[in-house]
Protein backbone atom coordinates (compact mmCIF):
# COMPACT_ATOMS: atom_id res chain seq x y z
CA UNK A 1 -9.47 18.21 -25.99
CA UNK A 2 -6.38 16.83 -27.66
CA UNK A 3 -4.08 18.82 -25.31
CA UNK A 4 -5.95 17.41 -22.24
CA UNK A 5 -5.65 13.58 -23.63
CA UNK A 6 -1.78 14.49 -24.36
CA UNK A 7 -1.27 15.56 -20.72
CA UNK A 8 -3.37 12.93 -19.35
CA UNK A 9 -1.31 10.14 -21.42
CA UNK A 10 1.84 11.75 -20.58
CA UNK A 11 1.11 11.56 -16.75
CA UNK A 12 0.04 8.03 -16.91
CA UNK A 13 3.30 7.28 -18.81
CA UNK A 14 5.49 9.17 -16.09
CA UNK A 15 3.22 7.24 -13.21
CA UNK A 16 4.30 3.84 -14.62
CA UNK A 17 7.88 4.74 -15.20
CA UNK A 18 8.59 6.39 -11.99
CA UNK A 19 6.32 4.43 -9.98
CA UNK A 20 4.54 7.25 -8.58
CA UNK A 21 0.88 6.72 -7.65
CA UNK A 22 0.62 3.78 -9.77
CA UNK A 23 -2.87 2.75 -8.67
CA UNK A 24 -4.47 6.39 -9.07
CA UNK A 25 -2.89 7.65 -11.99
CA UNK A 26 -1.68 4.25 -13.98
CA UNK A 27 -4.50 2.44 -12.85
CA UNK A 28 -7.55 4.63 -12.36
CA UNK A 29 -6.73 7.18 -14.90
CA UNK A 30 -5.35 4.77 -17.50
CA UNK A 31 -8.58 2.48 -17.36
CA UNK A 32 -10.59 5.73 -18.06
CA UNK A 33 -8.69 6.71 -20.78
CA UNK A 34 -8.98 3.22 -22.52
CA UNK A 35 -12.86 3.44 -21.72
CA UNK A 36 -12.95 6.68 -23.78
CA UNK A 37 -10.84 4.82 -26.67
CA UNK A 38 -13.03 2.08 -26.80
CA UNK A 39 -16.28 4.17 -26.88
CA UNK A 40 -14.49 6.54 -29.38
CA UNK A 41 -13.55 3.52 -31.73
CA UNK A 42 -16.43 1.14 -31.33
CA UNK A 43 -18.38 1.50 -34.47
CA UNK A 44 -15.11 2.04 -36.55
CA UNK A 45 -15.47 -0.42 -39.36
CA UNK A 46 -12.21 -3.03 -39.29
CA UNK A 47 -11.44 -2.47 -35.95
CA UNK A 48 -10.34 -5.09 -33.48
CA UNK A 49 -13.18 -4.70 -30.57
CA UNK A 50 -11.33 -7.12 -28.45
CA UNK A 51 -8.25 -5.03 -28.09
CA UNK A 52 -9.90 -2.48 -25.92
CA UNK A 53 -11.10 -4.62 -23.18
CA UNK A 54 -7.80 -6.32 -23.14
CA UNK A 55 -5.81 -2.99 -22.68
CA UNK A 56 -8.64 -1.96 -19.94
CA UNK A 57 -7.81 -5.31 -17.93
CA UNK A 58 -4.21 -4.57 -17.91
CA UNK A 59 -4.97 -1.06 -16.46
CA UNK A 60 -7.17 -2.77 -13.94
CA UNK A 61 -4.43 -5.35 -12.91
CA UNK A 62 -2.22 -1.98 -12.23
CA UNK A 63 -4.88 -0.75 -10.34
CA UNK A 64 -5.18 -3.81 -7.92
CA UNK A 65 -1.85 -5.19 -8.28
CA UNK A 66 0.14 -1.76 -6.56
CA UNK A 67 2.72 -2.05 -8.69
CA UNK A 68 4.58 0.77 -7.71
CA UNK A 69 5.38 -0.28 -4.57
CA UNK A 70 7.98 -2.99 -5.66
CA UNK A 71 10.18 -0.43 -7.47
CA UNK A 72 9.24 3.03 -7.69
CA UNK A 73 8.73 6.02 -5.53
CA UNK A 74 5.51 4.34 -4.08
CA UNK A 75 7.84 2.19 -2.21
CA UNK A 76 9.05 5.01 -0.53
CA UNK A 77 6.08 6.61 0.32
CA UNK A 78 3.55 3.56 1.57
CA UNK A 79 5.70 2.81 4.56
CA UNK A 80 4.89 6.81 5.76
CA UNK A 81 1.24 6.06 5.37
CA UNK A 82 1.00 2.82 6.90
CA UNK A 83 0.05 1.99 10.48
CA UNK A 84 -1.44 5.58 10.94
CA UNK A 85 -4.89 5.10 9.64
CA UNK A 86 -6.54 5.80 12.85
CA UNK A 87 -4.34 9.18 13.26
CA UNK A 88 -4.65 10.26 9.97
CA UNK A 89 -6.61 13.17 8.31
CA UNK A 90 -8.61 12.74 5.05
CA UNK A 91 -5.91 13.88 2.74
CA UNK A 92 -3.38 11.11 4.27
CA UNK A 93 -6.24 8.70 4.00
CA UNK A 94 -6.49 9.25 0.31
CA UNK A 95 -3.02 9.38 -0.09
CA UNK A 96 -2.80 5.85 1.77
CA UNK A 97 -5.04 4.52 -1.25
CA UNK A 98 -3.18 6.26 -4.15
CA UNK A 99 0.14 4.63 -3.53
């Protein structure tokens, strides 16, 4: 389980550094990891309970804001999928929401 969490955290970090699939990996996966951290540390005495909801909100901002479309790989991928919604297959429609 520790190796899986390490790999997922590395994926979130690389996604945010390179701007690749930021809404999907940086936003959605990061939110899931923060919820996991919140549930795991909720009943620990001395923990700051308000820290984890703030971390969740930051990942939700990445999910909604489409941060990778400014400087990143998503800026190069987004124009390829835009305007082709009616001709796109299932995979292309999913990729449109991922970039």
